[in-house]
């Protein structure tokens, strides 16, 4: 990631790591809740399968937030790291649950990371047991297993949002760092390429720098 892109991203909260499709995720959450409330064989099964996909998106976002955090530390000091060919985290799109957990496990360390991974693995094991027992138990037992899975899923969701909130607070603090404007001002003073100068001016303007005001959105 180049420094200009990093500054543009950190100074605009809309560009911070987020779910790729919030609307789709909300729809899946609604579908899973409706499925569970039916209290039927197919409803419980649908709930487990849908929430499993949601968990994959949670892991993807934590990986993306971890990568962005590393960029914030590395890029300003002329270091970089290629996580994917396009710097867009597209390498995560086709990874499955276990592969995503492995990526997260070998990424940035943060509070409750190990706890989150442990809960993910526990939830995944519960899902596997649930699916493998479908032909061996009656609806009452299936409902019991589904309730157990649901309780663990809700605990995982709460833990995820605690971690995600910590990342958001970290990004917010870095967004207010005066050094971003100092870097842009220095690049402008040294700039010769008209296109580069225009890009720098656009980034400063969008971020609200140079106006003797707080950053937009604060």
Protein backbone atom coordinates (compact mmCIF):
# COMPACT_ATOMS: atom_id res chain seq x y z
CA UNK A 1 0.00 0.00 0.00
CA UNK A 2 1.36 3.42 -0.88
CA UNK A 3 1.43 6.16 1.73
CA UNK A 4 -1.04 8.42 -0.08
CA UNK A 5 -3.61 5.64 -0.18
CA UNK A 6 -3.05 4.90 3.51
CA UNK A 7 -3.55 8.56 4.49
CA UNK A 8 -6.65 8.76 2.31
CA UNK A 9 -8.04 5.65 3.98
CA UNK A 10 -7.27 6.46 7.62
CA UNK A 11 -8.65 10.01 7.34
CA UNK A 12 -11.97 8.81 5.88
CA UNK A 13 -13.95 6.47 8.19
CA UNK A 14 -16.00 5.30 5.21
CA UNK A 15 -12.83 3.65 3.89
CA UNK A 16 -11.95 1.82 7.10
CA UNK A 17 -12.22 -1.99 7.05
CA UNK A 18 -15.84 -3.10 7.08
CA UNK A 19 -18.05 -5.92 5.87
CA UNK A 20 -18.05 -6.07 2.09
CA UNK A 21 -21.84 -6.23 2.00
CA UNK A 22 -23.64 -4.97 5.11
CA UNK A 23 -27.05 -5.37 3.51
CA UNK A 24 -26.40 -9.02 2.66
CA UNK A 25 -25.23 -9.68 6.22
CA UNK A 26 -28.36 -8.09 7.67
CA UNK A 27 -30.50 -10.21 5.36
CA UNK A 28 -28.70 -13.37 6.45
CA UNK A 29 -29.16 -12.47 10.12
CA UNK A 30 -32.89 -11.97 9.55
CA UNK A 31 -33.14 -15.25 7.61
CA UNK A 32 -31.34 -17.15 10.36
CA UNK A 33 -33.60 -15.73 13.07
CA UNK A 34 -36.72 -16.53 11.08
CA UNK A 35 -35.44 -20.05 10.41
CA UNK A 36 -34.73 -20.71 14.10
CA UNK A 37 -38.13 -19.39 15.18
CA UNK A 38 -39.92 -21.95 12.96
CA UNK A 39 -38.81 -24.68 15.39
CA UNK A 40 -38.65 -27.23 12.59
CA UNK A 41 -36.01 -29.64 11.35
CA UNK A 42 -35.24 -27.57 8.26
CA UNK A 43 -35.41 -24.33 10.28
CA UNK A 44 -32.75 -25.40 12.76
CA UNK A 45 -30.54 -26.73 9.99
CA UNK A 46 -30.88 -23.49 8.01
CA UNK A 47 -30.05 -21.47 11.12
CA UNK A 48 -26.83 -23.38 11.73
CA UNK A 49 -25.70 -23.21 8.10
CA UNK A 50 -26.50 -19.51 7.68
CA UNK A 51 -24.83 -18.41 10.92
CA UNK A 52 -21.77 -20.44 9.96
CA UNK A 53 -21.44 -18.27 6.85
CA UNK A 54 -21.87 -15.14 8.97
CA UNK A 55 -19.02 -16.30 11.22
CA UNK A 56 -16.76 -16.54 8.19
CA UNK A 57 -17.48 -12.87 7.44
CA UNK A 58 -16.66 -11.94 11.04
CA UNK A 59 -13.27 -13.62 10.75
CA UNK A 60 -12.60 -11.94 7.40
CA UNK A 61 -13.24 -8.52 8.89
CA UNK A 62 -10.91 -9.11 11.84
CA UNK A 63 -8.17 -10.19 9.42
CA UNK A 64 -8.76 -7.07 7.33
CA UNK A 65 -8.66 -4.83 10.40
CA UNK A 66 -5.45 -6.53 11.53
CA UNK A 67 -3.84 -5.91 8.16
CA UNK A 68 -4.86 -2.26 8.10
CA UNK A 69 -3.42 -1.82 11.60
CA UNK A 70 -0.10 -3.23 10.40
CA UNK A 71 -0.12 -0.85 7.44
CA UNK A 72 -0.56 2.08 9.83
CA UNK A 73 2.64 1.08 11.58
CA UNK A 74 4.68 0.01 8.56
CA UNK A 75 3.90 2.28 5.62
CA UNK A 76 4.75 5.69 7.21
CA UNK A 77 8.28 4.34 7.86
CA UNK A 78 8.72 3.20 4.22
CA UNK A 79 7.93 -0.45 4.92
CA UNK A 80 5.18 -2.46 3.28
CA UNK A 81 3.72 -5.95 3.24
CA UNK A 82 1.85 -7.62 0.41
CA UNK A 83 -1.08 -9.54 1.85
CA UNK A 84 -2.71 -9.88 -1.57
CA UNK A 85 -1.82 -8.89 -5.12
CA UNK A 86 -4.28 -6.00 -5.25
CA UNK A 87 -4.14 -4.81 -1.63
CA UNK A 88 -7.91 -5.34 -1.52
CA UNK A 89 -8.01 -8.48 0.67
CA UNK A 90 -9.56 -10.43 -2.20
CA UNK A 91 -7.34 -13.36 -1.22
CA UNK A 92 -9.79 -13.96 1.65
CA UNK A 93 -12.91 -14.23 -0.51
CA UNK A 94 -12.73 -17.93 -1.33
CA UNK A 95 -11.20 -19.21 1.90
CA UNK A 96 -13.26 -21.50 4.10
CA UNK A 97 -13.80 -21.36 7.87
CA UNK A 98 -10.69 -23.31 8.91
CA UNK A 99 -8.45 -21.51 6.43
CA UNK A 100 -9.69 -18.12 7.62
CA UNK A 101 -9.06 -19.04 11.24
CA UNK A 102 -5.53 -20.07 10.33
CA UNK A 103 -4.97 -16.69 8.64
CA UNK A 104 -6.27 -14.90 11.71
CA UNK A 105 -4.17 -17.05 14.02
CA UNK A 106 -1.01 -16.03 12.11
CA UNK A 107 -1.86 -12.35 11.93
CA UNK A 108 -1.55 -9.39 14.30
CA UNK A 109 -1.94 -10.11 18.00
CA UNK A 110 -4.75 -8.21 19.73
CA UNK A 111 -6.82 -8.44 22.91
CA UNK A 112 -9.09 -11.50 23.05
CA UNK A 113 -7.76 -12.87 19.77
CA UNK A 114 -7.02 -16.32 21.19
CA UNK A 115 -10.34 -16.33 23.02
CA UNK A 116 -12.17 -15.49 19.79
CA UNK A 117 -10.37 -18.23 17.84
CA UNK A 118 -11.09 -20.73 20.59
CA UNK A 119 -14.80 -19.85 20.54
CA UNK A 120 -14.85 -20.12 16.73
CA UNK A 121 -13.37 -23.60 16.85
CA UNK A 122 -15.75 -24.63 19.61
CA UNK A 123 -18.70 -23.34 17.61
CA UNK A 124 -17.50 -25.11 14.48
CA UNK A 125 -17.19 -28.39 16.37
CA UNK A 126 -20.72 -27.95 17.71
CA UNK A 127 -21.94 -27.35 14.14
CA UNK A 128 -20.24 -30.52 12.90
CA UNK A 129 -21.72 -32.60 15.71
CA UNK A 130 -25.15 -31.13 15.03
CA UNK A 131 -25.03 -31.96 11.31
CA UNK A 132 -23.66 -35.48 11.84
CA UNK A 133 -26.41 -36.35 14.33
CA UNK A 134 -29.35 -35.17 12.23
CA UNK A 135 -30.33 -38.68 11.13
CA UNK A 136 -29.86 -40.20 14.60
CA UNK A 137 -31.95 -38.00 16.90
CA UNK A 138 -35.53 -36.73 17.06
CA UNK A 139 -36.74 -33.14 16.72
CA UNK A 140 -36.61 -32.44 20.48
CA UNK A 141 -32.93 -33.39 20.58
CA UNK A 142 -32.25 -31.39 17.43
CA UNK A 143 -33.89 -28.37 19.06
CA UNK A 144 -31.71 -28.85 22.13
CA UNK A 145 -28.55 -29.04 20.01
CA UNK A 146 -29.62 -26.00 18.00
CA UNK A 147 -30.24 -24.01 21.20
CA UNK A 148 -26.77 -24.96 22.46
CA UNK A 149 -25.26 -23.84 19.15
CA UNK A 150 -27.28 -20.61 19.22
CA UNK A 151 -26.05 -19.71 22.72
CA UNK A 152 -22.44 -20.17 21.64
CA UNK A 153 -23.04 -18.19 18.45
CA UNK A 154 -24.47 -15.24 20.41
CA UNK A 155 -21.47 -15.29 22.76
CA UNK A 156 -19.17 -15.22 19.74
CA UNK A 157 -21.05 -12.29 18.20
CA UNK A 158 -20.71 -10.28 21.42
CA UNK A 159 -16.99 -11.00 21.61
CA UNK A 160 -16.55 -10.04 17.96
CA UNK A 161 -18.15 -6.64 18.45
CA UNK A 162 -16.01 -5.98 21.52
CA UNK A 163 -12.89 -6.65 19.43
CA UNK A 164 -14.21 -4.71 16.44
CA UNK A 165 -14.96 -1.72 18.67
CA UNK A 166 -11.36 -1.73 19.92
CA UNK A 167 -10.12 -1.60 16.34
CA UNK A 168 -12.50 1.25 15.52
CA UNK A 169 -11.29 3.26 18.52
CA UNK A 170 -7.69 2.63 17.45
CA UNK A 171 -8.42 3.85 13.92
CA UNK A 172 -10.21 6.91 15.30
CA UNK A 173 -7.19 7.83 17.41
CA UNK A 174 -4.85 7.44 14.45
CA UNK A 175 -7.15 9.47 12.26
CA UNK A 176 -6.58 12.47 14.55
CA UNK A 177 -2.79 12.18 14.32
CA UNK A 178 -1.36 15.54 13.13
CA UNK A 179 1.50 13.75 11.38
CA UNK A 180 -0.77 12.83 8.43
CA UNK A 181 -1.25 16.50 7.55
CA UNK A 182 2.42 17.21 8.14
CA UNK A 183 3.37 14.48 5.68
CA UNK A 184 0.93 15.74 3.06
CA UNK A 185 2.18 19.32 3.48
CA UNK A 186 5.76 18.18 3.06
CA UNK A 187 4.92 16.18 -0.05
CA UNK A 188 3.11 19.22 -1.48
CA UNK A 189 6.14 21.44 -0.88
CA UNK A 190 8.38 18.95 -2.68
CA UNK A 191 5.89 17.91 -5.37
CA UNK A 192 6.53 18.56 -9.06
CA UNK A 193 4.14 16.24 -10.84
CA UNK A 194 0.79 18.06 -11.42
CA UNK A 195 -1.25 14.86 -11.06
CA UNK A 196 0.48 13.99 -7.80
CA UNK A 197 -0.04 17.52 -6.46
CA UNK A 198 -3.74 17.38 -7.37
CA UNK A 199 -4.09 14.04 -5.59
CA UNK A 200 -2.43 15.43 -2.46
CA UNK A 201 -4.66 18.51 -2.47
CA UNK A 202 -7.75 16.33 -2.89
CA UNK A 203 -6.73 14.10 0.03
CA UNK A 204 -6.10 17.12 2.30
CA UNK A 205 -9.37 18.73 1.31
CA UNK A 206 -11.38 15.56 1.82
CA UNK A 207 -9.77 15.01 5.23
CA UNK A 208 -10.47 18.58 6.31
CA UNK A 209 -6.79 19.46 6.75
CA UNK A 210 -5.61 23.03 6.43
CA UNK A 211 -8.93 24.54 7.47
CA UNK A 212 -8.08 25.18 11.15
CA UNK A 213 -10.99 22.90 12.04
CA UNK A 214 -11.41 19.46 13.49
CA UNK A 215 -11.38 16.53 11.11
CA UNK A 216 -14.72 15.99 9.42
CA UNK A 217 -16.95 13.74 11.45
CA UNK A 218 -15.37 14.55 14.84
